[in-house]
Amino acid sequence: MDVDVLCWGGTCKFEAYEMEGKFFVNPGSATGAVSWIDEGLGDEGEGDGEEGNVPSFVLMDVQGDVLVLYVYQLKRDKEGNENVGVEKVSFRKGTPGA
């Protein structure tokens, strides 16, 4: 596909990366809701070393040739306390032939 940014989903995990001048974004969820798929939790709800399902969503700000993602993720510490982390990820479209 001849696109600058490609969004996809289905894995319930946030991903964003650049490859061959294109930017790929998987927001994790369209809503930030917890998925019924939680691969990282065992029978007792305790982690097995994997991070498990981290509810997340992304806000995209497009300004000319710059895309800024604001990634919101619900995190849980070892005591079970939850907080929302926000991370900023930027992508600038390259100049053709550069």
N, C-alpha and C. Protein backbone atom coordinates (compact mmCIF):
# COMPACT_ATOMS: atom_id res chain seq x y z
N MET A 1 0.84 -1.17 0.00
CA MET A 1 0.00 0.00 0.00
C MET A 1 0.89 1.24 0.00
N ASP A 2 0.49 2.21 -0.75
CA ASP A 2 1.26 3.45 -0.84
C ASP A 2 0.72 4.45 0.18
N VAL A 3 1.07 4.23 1.46
CA VAL A 3 0.61 5.09 2.55
C VAL A 3 1.80 5.55 3.37
N ASP A 4 1.64 6.64 4.10
CA ASP A 4 2.68 7.12 5.00
C ASP A 4 2.52 6.50 6.38
N VAL A 5 1.25 6.31 6.81
CA VAL A 5 0.95 5.76 8.13
C VAL A 5 -0.07 4.66 7.95
N LEU A 6 0.18 3.52 8.57
CA LEU A 6 -0.75 2.39 8.52
C LEU A 6 -1.15 2.02 9.94
N CYS A 7 -2.44 2.05 10.21
CA CYS A 7 -2.97 1.65 11.51
C CYS A 7 -3.62 0.29 11.38
N TRP A 8 -3.37 -0.57 12.36
CA TRP A 8 -4.00 -1.88 12.37
C TRP A 8 -4.24 -2.28 13.81
N GLY A 9 -4.93 -3.36 14.03
CA GLY A 9 -5.20 -3.82 15.38
C GLY A 9 -5.41 -5.32 15.39
N GLY A 10 -5.90 -5.79 16.52
CA GLY A 10 -6.19 -7.20 16.66
C GLY A 10 -5.30 -7.92 17.65
N THR A 11 -4.19 -7.28 18.05
CA THR A 11 -3.28 -7.95 18.99
C THR A 11 -3.51 -7.50 20.43
N CYS A 12 -4.27 -6.43 20.62
CA CYS A 12 -4.54 -5.87 21.95
C CYS A 12 -3.29 -5.38 22.65
N LYS A 13 -2.23 -5.11 21.89
CA LYS A 13 -0.99 -4.56 22.45
C LYS A 13 -0.55 -3.39 21.60
N PHE A 14 -0.13 -2.30 22.27
CA PHE A 14 0.36 -1.13 21.55
C PHE A 14 1.67 -1.44 20.86
N GLU A 15 1.80 -0.98 19.62
CA GLU A 15 3.05 -1.03 18.88
C GLU A 15 3.12 0.20 17.99
N ALA A 16 4.30 0.74 17.80
CA ALA A 16 4.53 1.81 16.84
C ALA A 16 5.98 1.72 16.39
N TYR A 17 6.16 1.66 15.09
CA TYR A 17 7.53 1.59 14.58
C TYR A 17 7.58 2.12 13.15
N GLU A 18 8.79 2.49 12.74
CA GLU A 18 9.04 2.97 11.38
C GLU A 18 9.79 1.89 10.62
N MET A 19 9.38 1.68 9.36
CA MET A 19 10.08 0.72 8.52
C MET A 19 9.96 1.19 7.07
N GLU A 20 11.10 1.29 6.39
CA GLU A 20 11.17 1.68 4.99
C GLU A 20 10.42 2.99 4.73
N GLY A 21 10.58 3.96 5.64
CA GLY A 21 9.97 5.27 5.47
C GLY A 21 8.49 5.35 5.78
N LYS A 22 7.91 4.27 6.26
CA LYS A 22 6.49 4.22 6.63
C LYS A 22 6.39 4.08 8.14
N PHE A 23 5.27 4.55 8.70
CA PHE A 23 5.06 4.47 10.14
C PHE A 23 3.88 3.54 10.41
N PHE A 24 4.08 2.55 11.26
CA PHE A 24 3.07 1.54 11.56
C PHE A 24 2.60 1.71 13.00
N VAL A 25 1.27 1.74 13.19
CA VAL A 25 0.70 1.99 14.51
C VAL A 25 -0.38 0.97 14.83
N ASN A 26 -0.24 0.29 15.94
CA ASN A 26 -1.29 -0.55 16.50
C ASN A 26 -1.63 0.06 17.85
N PRO A 27 -2.79 0.72 17.98
CA PRO A 27 -3.12 1.43 19.22
C PRO A 27 -3.40 0.53 20.40
N GLY A 28 -3.55 -0.77 20.17
CA GLY A 28 -3.89 -1.68 21.25
C GLY A 28 -5.39 -1.85 21.36
N SER A 29 -6.12 -0.76 21.34
CA SER A 29 -7.58 -0.78 21.43
C SER A 29 -8.11 0.54 20.87
N ALA A 30 -9.31 0.50 20.36
CA ALA A 30 -9.94 1.74 19.90
C ALA A 30 -10.47 2.55 21.07
N THR A 31 -10.69 1.90 22.22
CA THR A 31 -11.34 2.54 23.36
C THR A 31 -10.50 2.58 24.63
N GLY A 32 -9.45 1.76 24.71
CA GLY A 32 -8.68 1.66 25.94
C GLY A 32 -9.25 0.64 26.90
N ALA A 33 -10.31 -0.07 26.49
CA ALA A 33 -10.94 -1.06 27.35
C ALA A 33 -10.06 -2.29 27.49
N VAL A 34 -10.21 -2.99 28.60
CA VAL A 34 -9.49 -4.23 28.84
C VAL A 34 -10.00 -5.29 27.89
N SER A 35 -9.10 -6.05 27.29
CA SER A 35 -9.48 -7.14 26.39
C SER A 35 -9.77 -8.39 27.20
N TRP A 36 -10.60 -9.25 26.66
CA TRP A 36 -10.86 -10.53 27.31
C TRP A 36 -9.66 -11.45 27.16
N ILE A 37 -8.75 -11.11 26.24
CA ILE A 37 -7.53 -11.88 26.06
C ILE A 37 -6.48 -11.30 26.99
N ASP A 38 -6.00 -12.07 27.94
CA ASP A 38 -4.97 -11.59 28.87
C ASP A 38 -3.94 -12.68 29.02
N GLU A 39 -3.04 -12.75 28.05
CA GLU A 39 -2.07 -13.83 27.96
C GLU A 39 -1.06 -13.86 29.10
N GLY A 40 -0.85 -12.74 29.77
CA GLY A 40 0.21 -12.68 30.77
C GLY A 40 -0.24 -13.04 32.17
N LEU A 41 -1.51 -13.34 32.38
CA LEU A 41 -1.98 -13.66 33.72
C LEU A 41 -2.23 -15.15 33.87
N GLY A 42 -1.84 -15.69 34.99
CA GLY A 42 -2.08 -17.10 35.28
C GLY A 42 -3.44 -17.30 35.93
N ASP A 43 -3.67 -18.50 36.47
CA ASP A 43 -4.96 -18.85 37.07
C ASP A 43 -5.33 -17.93 38.23
N GLU A 44 -4.37 -17.48 38.99
CA GLU A 44 -4.64 -16.65 40.16
C GLU A 44 -4.56 -15.16 39.83
N GLY A 45 -4.39 -14.82 38.54
CA GLY A 45 -4.30 -13.43 38.16
C GLY A 45 -2.92 -12.84 38.42
N GLU A 46 -1.95 -13.70 38.70
CA GLU A 46 -0.59 -13.23 38.95
C GLU A 46 0.22 -13.32 37.67
N GLY A 47 1.08 -12.37 37.46
CA GLY A 47 1.90 -12.35 36.26
C GLY A 47 2.87 -13.51 36.22
N ASP A 48 3.18 -13.97 35.01
CA ASP A 48 4.14 -15.06 34.85
C ASP A 48 5.43 -14.55 34.22
N GLY A 49 5.72 -13.27 34.45
CA GLY A 49 6.90 -12.67 33.86
C GLY A 49 6.57 -11.88 32.61
N GLU A 50 5.43 -12.16 32.01
CA GLU A 50 4.97 -11.40 30.86
C GLU A 50 4.19 -10.20 31.37
N GLU A 51 4.12 -9.15 30.57
CA GLU A 51 3.40 -7.95 30.98
C GLU A 51 1.89 -8.15 30.91
N GLY A 52 1.42 -9.07 30.05
CA GLY A 52 0.00 -9.31 29.93
C GLY A 52 -0.68 -8.21 29.14
N ASN A 53 -1.99 -8.20 29.22
CA ASN A 53 -2.78 -7.23 28.48
C ASN A 53 -2.71 -5.88 29.18
N VAL A 54 -2.28 -4.87 28.46
CA VAL A 54 -2.21 -3.52 29.00
C VAL A 54 -3.21 -2.67 28.21
N PRO A 55 -4.35 -2.31 28.82
CA PRO A 55 -5.32 -1.48 28.11
C PRO A 55 -4.66 -0.20 27.62
N SER A 56 -4.90 0.14 26.36
CA SER A 56 -4.27 1.33 25.79
C SER A 56 -5.11 1.88 24.65
N PHE A 57 -4.89 3.15 24.37
CA PHE A 57 -5.42 3.78 23.16
C PHE A 57 -4.48 4.91 22.78
N VAL A 58 -4.66 5.42 21.56
CA VAL A 58 -3.75 6.42 21.01
C VAL A 58 -4.54 7.60 20.46
N LEU A 59 -4.10 8.80 20.77
CA LEU A 59 -4.59 10.01 20.11
C LEU A 59 -3.53 10.42 19.10
N MET A 60 -3.95 10.73 17.87
CA MET A 60 -3.02 11.10 16.81
C MET A 60 -3.20 12.58 16.48
N ASP A 61 -2.10 13.30 16.47
CA ASP A 61 -2.10 14.72 16.11
C ASP A 61 -1.26 14.87 14.84
N VAL A 62 -1.91 15.23 13.74
CA VAL A 62 -1.22 15.40 12.47
C VAL A 62 -1.09 16.89 12.16
N GLN A 63 0.15 17.33 12.00
CA GLN A 63 0.44 18.73 11.68
C GLN A 63 1.42 18.74 10.51
N GLY A 64 0.91 18.90 9.29
CA GLY A 64 1.77 18.90 8.12
C GLY A 64 2.42 17.55 7.92
N ASP A 65 3.76 17.50 7.94
CA ASP A 65 4.47 16.24 7.73
C ASP A 65 4.87 15.56 9.04
N VAL A 66 4.31 16.02 10.16
CA VAL A 66 4.63 15.44 11.47
C VAL A 66 3.39 14.80 12.09
N LEU A 67 3.56 13.58 12.57
CA LEU A 67 2.51 12.87 13.30
C LEU A 67 3.00 12.67 14.72
N VAL A 68 2.20 13.09 15.67
CA VAL A 68 2.54 12.88 17.09
C VAL A 68 1.47 11.97 17.67
N LEU A 69 1.91 10.87 18.28
CA LEU A 69 1.01 9.95 18.98
C LEU A 69 1.09 10.24 20.47
N TYR A 70 -0.04 10.29 21.11
CA TYR A 70 -0.11 10.33 22.57
C TYR A 70 -0.68 8.99 22.98
N VAL A 71 0.15 8.16 23.59
CA VAL A 71 -0.21 6.79 23.93
C VAL A 71 -0.61 6.74 25.40
N TYR A 72 -1.84 6.35 25.66
CA TYR A 72 -2.36 6.22 27.02
C TYR A 72 -2.41 4.73 27.36
N GLN A 73 -1.76 4.34 28.47
CA GLN A 73 -1.74 2.94 28.89
C GLN A 73 -2.05 2.83 30.37
N LEU A 74 -2.91 1.88 30.72
CA LEU A 74 -3.23 1.61 32.11
C LEU A 74 -2.20 0.64 32.65
N LYS A 75 -1.46 1.06 33.65
CA LYS A 75 -0.39 0.24 34.24
C LYS A 75 -0.79 -0.20 35.64
N ARG A 76 -0.27 -1.33 36.07
CA ARG A 76 -0.53 -1.84 37.41
C ARG A 76 0.81 -2.23 38.05
N ASP A 77 1.06 -1.72 39.27
CA ASP A 77 2.31 -2.06 39.94
C ASP A 77 2.16 -3.39 40.69
N LYS A 78 3.21 -3.83 41.37
CA LYS A 78 3.20 -5.12 42.05
C LYS A 78 2.16 -5.21 43.16
N GLU A 79 1.77 -4.06 43.72
CA GLU A 79 0.75 -4.04 44.77
C GLU A 79 -0.65 -3.99 44.20
N GLY A 80 -0.78 -3.92 42.87
CA GLY A 80 -2.09 -3.87 42.23
C GLY A 80 -2.64 -2.47 42.03
N ASN A 81 -1.86 -1.45 42.38
CA ASN A 81 -2.31 -0.07 42.18
C ASN A 81 -2.24 0.28 40.70
N GLU A 82 -3.28 0.93 40.19
CA GLU A 82 -3.34 1.30 38.79
C GLU A 82 -3.07 2.79 38.59
N ASN A 83 -2.40 3.11 37.49
CA ASN A 83 -2.24 4.50 37.08
C ASN A 83 -2.16 4.55 35.56
N VAL A 84 -2.42 5.71 35.01
CA VAL A 84 -2.40 5.89 33.56
C VAL A 84 -1.10 6.57 33.17
N GLY A 85 -0.37 5.93 32.28
CA GLY A 85 0.86 6.51 31.77
C GLY A 85 0.60 7.08 30.38
N VAL A 86 1.22 8.22 30.08
CA VAL A 86 1.09 8.85 28.77
C VAL A 86 2.48 8.98 28.18
N GLU A 87 2.62 8.48 26.96
CA GLU A 87 3.90 8.54 26.26
C GLU A 87 3.69 9.26 24.94
N LYS A 88 4.68 10.04 24.53
CA LYS A 88 4.61 10.79 23.27
C LYS A 88 5.58 10.16 22.27
N VAL A 89 5.06 9.83 21.08
CA VAL A 89 5.86 9.24 20.02
C VAL A 89 5.66 10.09 18.77
N SER A 90 6.76 10.46 18.09
CA SER A 90 6.67 11.32 16.91
C SER A 90 7.20 10.62 15.67
N PHE A 91 6.62 10.99 14.54
CA PHE A 91 7.09 10.51 13.23
C PHE A 91 7.05 11.68 12.27
N ARG A 92 8.11 11.89 11.54
CA ARG A 92 8.17 12.94 10.52
C ARG A 92 8.34 12.26 9.16
N LYS A 93 7.45 12.59 8.25
CA LYS A 93 7.52 12.02 6.91
C LYS A 93 8.79 12.51 6.22
N GLY A 94 9.54 11.57 5.67
CA GLY A 94 10.77 11.92 4.96
C GLY A 94 10.50 12.55 3.62
N THR A 95 11.47 13.27 3.12
CA THR A 95 11.37 13.89 1.81
C THR A 95 11.64 12.84 0.74
N PRO A 96 10.76 12.69 -0.28
CA PRO A 96 11.02 11.70 -1.32
C PRO A 96 12.39 11.89 -1.97
N GLY A 97 13.11 10.79 -2.12
CA GLY A 97 14.42 10.85 -2.75
C GLY A 97 15.53 11.27 -1.81
N ALA A 98 15.19 11.55 -0.55
CA ALA A 98 16.23 11.99 0.40
C ALA A 98 16.90 10.82 1.06
